[in-house]
């Protein structure tokens, strides 16, 4: 059988793999990469150790413990920040279904499915800030999308999601641009 032939379901009908009208993967932005983190930790460590040596020389040795604690807390804060950055959301809009997959810190997964024709998209805006919240609601279930995005990215995503949802309800594909 060649790849041009359609696959057939047990009832004799054709089975086609449905392609989404719209698909997006949202990830949080982190401005400090691994090299920047290394530079920050080296500078923080050098400053703390330099000051700790001065306090040690003047006889205030208990203060040295706090400088070590400073280094540990900065390192821990950035490690927790990078762990939270592994979160993501995948939004796919098909002809009859919207699928939202959320992957949180610690690989916690959630999946939400909505009927395309019954879902309501709510976009909250502030005049000076842009889009502040994107919410998909259907049958009493509300799912926020893109909460971790900055306002300009959230505004851009809200526009694309609105157009894709309108196209799915109208039954025409969205052209990627």
Protein backbone atom coordinates (compact mmCIF):
# COMPACT_ATOMS: atom_id res chain seq x y z
CA UNK A 1 0.00 0.00 0.00
CA UNK A 2 1.42 3.41 -0.92
CA UNK A 3 1.28 6.50 1.22
CA UNK A 4 -1.22 8.10 -1.19
CA UNK A 5 -3.95 5.63 -0.26
CA UNK A 6 -6.22 6.65 2.62
CA UNK A 7 -6.36 4.56 5.76
CA UNK A 8 -9.67 2.85 6.40
CA UNK A 9 -11.52 2.49 9.68
CA UNK A 10 -13.15 -0.82 10.66
CA UNK A 11 -16.54 0.53 9.57
CA UNK A 12 -15.21 1.23 6.05
CA UNK A 13 -14.90 5.02 6.46
CA UNK A 14 -11.68 6.96 5.91
CA UNK A 15 -9.48 7.81 8.88
CA UNK A 16 -7.47 11.00 8.57
CA UNK A 17 -5.18 12.51 11.14
CA UNK A 18 -6.71 15.83 12.05
CA UNK A 19 -4.33 18.76 11.96
CA UNK A 20 -4.82 21.65 14.35
CA UNK A 21 -5.98 25.04 13.10
CA UNK A 22 -3.61 26.56 15.61
CA UNK A 23 -0.86 25.24 17.85
CA UNK A 24 1.39 27.15 20.24
CA UNK A 25 3.78 26.23 23.03
CA UNK A 26 4.16 28.93 25.69
CA UNK A 27 7.22 29.02 27.94
CA UNK A 28 8.28 31.58 30.55
CA UNK A 29 11.03 33.98 29.58
CA UNK A 30 14.16 34.07 31.71
CA UNK A 31 16.61 36.87 30.94
CA UNK A 32 19.58 35.39 32.78
CA UNK A 33 21.13 32.42 31.00
CA UNK A 34 23.62 29.90 32.41
CA UNK A 35 26.67 32.08 31.66
CA UNK A 36 25.02 35.10 33.27
CA UNK A 37 24.14 33.01 36.32
CA UNK A 38 27.75 31.85 36.62
CA UNK A 39 29.02 35.45 36.36
CA UNK A 40 26.48 36.62 38.96
CA UNK A 41 27.45 33.86 41.39
CA UNK A 42 31.18 34.55 40.91
CA UNK A 43 30.70 38.29 41.57
CA UNK A 44 28.41 37.65 44.55
CA UNK A 45 30.84 35.09 45.93
CA UNK A 46 33.86 37.37 45.47
CA UNK A 47 32.12 40.30 47.18
CA UNK A 48 30.85 38.19 50.07
CA UNK A 49 34.20 36.45 50.60
CA UNK A 50 36.06 39.77 50.38
CA UNK A 51 33.83 41.33 53.02
CA UNK A 52 33.93 38.17 55.14
CA UNK A 53 37.74 38.30 55.20
CA UNK A 54 37.63 41.92 56.40
CA UNK A 55 35.25 41.02 59.24
CA UNK A 56 37.34 37.98 60.10
CA UNK A 57 40.50 40.14 60.36
CA UNK A 58 38.83 42.64 62.71
CA UNK A 59 37.62 39.80 64.93
CA UNK A 60 33.93 39.75 64.04
CA UNK A 61 34.03 36.13 62.98
CA UNK A 62 30.27 35.40 63.56
CA UNK A 63 29.46 37.82 60.71
CA UNK A 64 31.26 35.50 58.25
CA UNK A 65 28.42 32.99 58.62
CA UNK A 66 25.93 35.54 57.27
CA UNK A 67 28.03 36.15 54.15
CA UNK A 68 28.01 32.41 53.47
CA UNK A 69 24.26 32.43 53.99
CA UNK A 70 23.91 35.28 51.45
CA UNK A 71 25.67 33.22 48.78
CA UNK A 72 23.53 30.17 49.53
CA UNK A 73 20.27 32.16 49.41
CA UNK A 74 21.10 33.82 46.07
CA UNK A 75 22.01 30.42 44.61
CA UNK A 76 18.80 28.83 45.97
CA UNK A 77 16.59 31.67 44.69
CA UNK A 78 17.93 31.31 41.15
CA UNK A 79 17.69 27.50 41.23
CA UNK A 80 14.01 27.77 42.21
CA UNK A 81 13.50 30.38 39.48
CA UNK A 82 15.05 28.09 36.85
CA UNK A 83 12.92 25.17 38.06
CA UNK A 84 9.79 27.30 37.61
CA UNK A 85 11.00 28.22 34.11
CA UNK A 86 10.56 24.61 32.99
CA UNK A 87 6.81 25.14 33.07
CA UNK A 88 5.03 25.30 29.72
CA UNK A 89 1.60 25.39 28.16
CA UNK A 90 0.59 23.89 24.83
CA UNK A 91 -2.57 25.21 23.20
CA UNK A 92 -3.97 23.37 20.16
CA UNK A 93 -7.19 24.26 18.38
CA UNK A 94 -8.78 21.61 16.20
CA UNK A 95 -12.00 21.83 14.21
CA UNK A 96 -14.13 20.54 17.10
CA UNK A 97 -11.86 20.66 20.12
CA UNK A 98 -9.43 22.86 22.03
CA UNK A 99 -6.71 21.06 23.96
CA UNK A 100 -4.67 22.83 26.63
CA UNK A 101 -1.77 20.94 28.20
CA UNK A 102 -0.05 22.54 31.18
CA UNK A 103 3.26 21.22 32.46
CA UNK A 104 4.21 22.74 35.78
CA UNK A 105 7.31 22.58 37.94
CA UNK A 106 8.15 19.04 38.93
CA UNK A 107 6.61 17.73 35.68
CA UNK A 108 3.09 18.15 37.09
CA UNK A 109 0.75 17.76 34.09
CA UNK A 110 -2.80 18.91 33.49
CA UNK A 111 -4.88 18.59 30.36
CA UNK A 112 -8.08 20.44 29.55
CA UNK A 113 -10.38 19.78 26.59
CA UNK A 114 -13.13 22.06 25.38
CA UNK A 115 -15.59 21.92 22.52
CA UNK A 116 -14.60 24.66 20.06
CA UNK A 117 -18.17 25.86 19.58
CA UNK A 118 -19.01 26.07 23.30
CA UNK A 119 -15.86 27.70 24.60
CA UNK A 120 -15.80 31.39 25.49
CA UNK A 121 -12.59 33.39 25.28
CA UNK A 122 -12.26 36.23 27.78
CA UNK A 123 -9.42 38.71 27.36
CA UNK A 124 -8.98 41.26 30.16
CA UNK A 125 -7.13 44.45 29.17
CA UNK A 126 -5.81 47.51 30.92
CA UNK A 127 -5.30 50.63 28.84
CA UNK A 128 -1.71 51.29 29.91
CA UNK A 129 -0.61 47.65 30.30
CA UNK A 130 -2.31 45.67 27.53
CA UNK A 131 -3.71 42.18 28.09
CA UNK A 132 -3.61 41.15 31.75
CA UNK A 133 -5.45 37.81 31.55
CA UNK A 134 -6.59 35.25 28.97
CA UNK A 135 -9.31 32.87 30.11
CA UNK A 136 -11.05 30.01 28.29
CA UNK A 137 -14.42 29.09 29.83
CA UNK A 138 -16.84 26.28 29.02
CA UNK A 139 -19.55 24.58 31.06
CA UNK A 140 -18.45 26.03 34.37
CA UNK A 141 -14.77 25.25 33.90
CA UNK A 142 -12.37 28.18 33.46
CA UNK A 143 -8.73 27.78 32.45
CA UNK A 144 -6.29 30.72 32.45
CA UNK A 145 -3.74 30.62 29.64
CA UNK A 146 -0.35 32.35 29.45
CA UNK A 147 -0.33 33.79 32.95
CA UNK A 148 3.47 33.75 33.04
CA UNK A 149 3.84 35.76 29.79
CA UNK A 150 4.77 39.43 29.91
CA UNK A 151 2.02 41.87 28.80
CA UNK A 152 3.27 42.43 25.20
CA UNK A 153 3.61 38.67 24.59
CA UNK A 154 0.24 38.04 26.24
CA UNK A 155 -1.33 40.68 23.96
CA UNK A 156 0.19 39.09 20.85
CA UNK A 157 -0.89 35.61 21.92
CA UNK A 158 -4.44 36.81 22.72
CA UNK A 159 -4.76 38.24 19.19
CA UNK A 160 -3.51 35.03 17.58
CA UNK A 161 -5.75 32.87 19.79
CA UNK A 162 -8.81 35.02 19.02
CA UNK A 163 -8.19 34.73 15.27
CA UNK A 164 -7.57 30.98 15.47
CA UNK A 165 -10.70 30.36 17.52
CA UNK A 166 -12.79 32.41 15.09
CA UNK A 167 -11.30 30.47 12.16
CA UNK A 168 -12.00 27.12 13.83
CA UNK A 169 -15.61 28.10 14.49
CA UNK A 170 -15.96 29.21 10.87
CA UNK A 171 -14.31 26.00 9.65
CA UNK A 172 -11.41 27.58 7.79
CA UNK A 173 -7.69 27.06 8.54
CA UNK A 174 -5.47 29.80 9.91
CA UNK A 175 -2.57 30.84 7.70
CA UNK A 176 0.70 30.91 9.61
CA UNK A 177 2.36 34.27 9.34
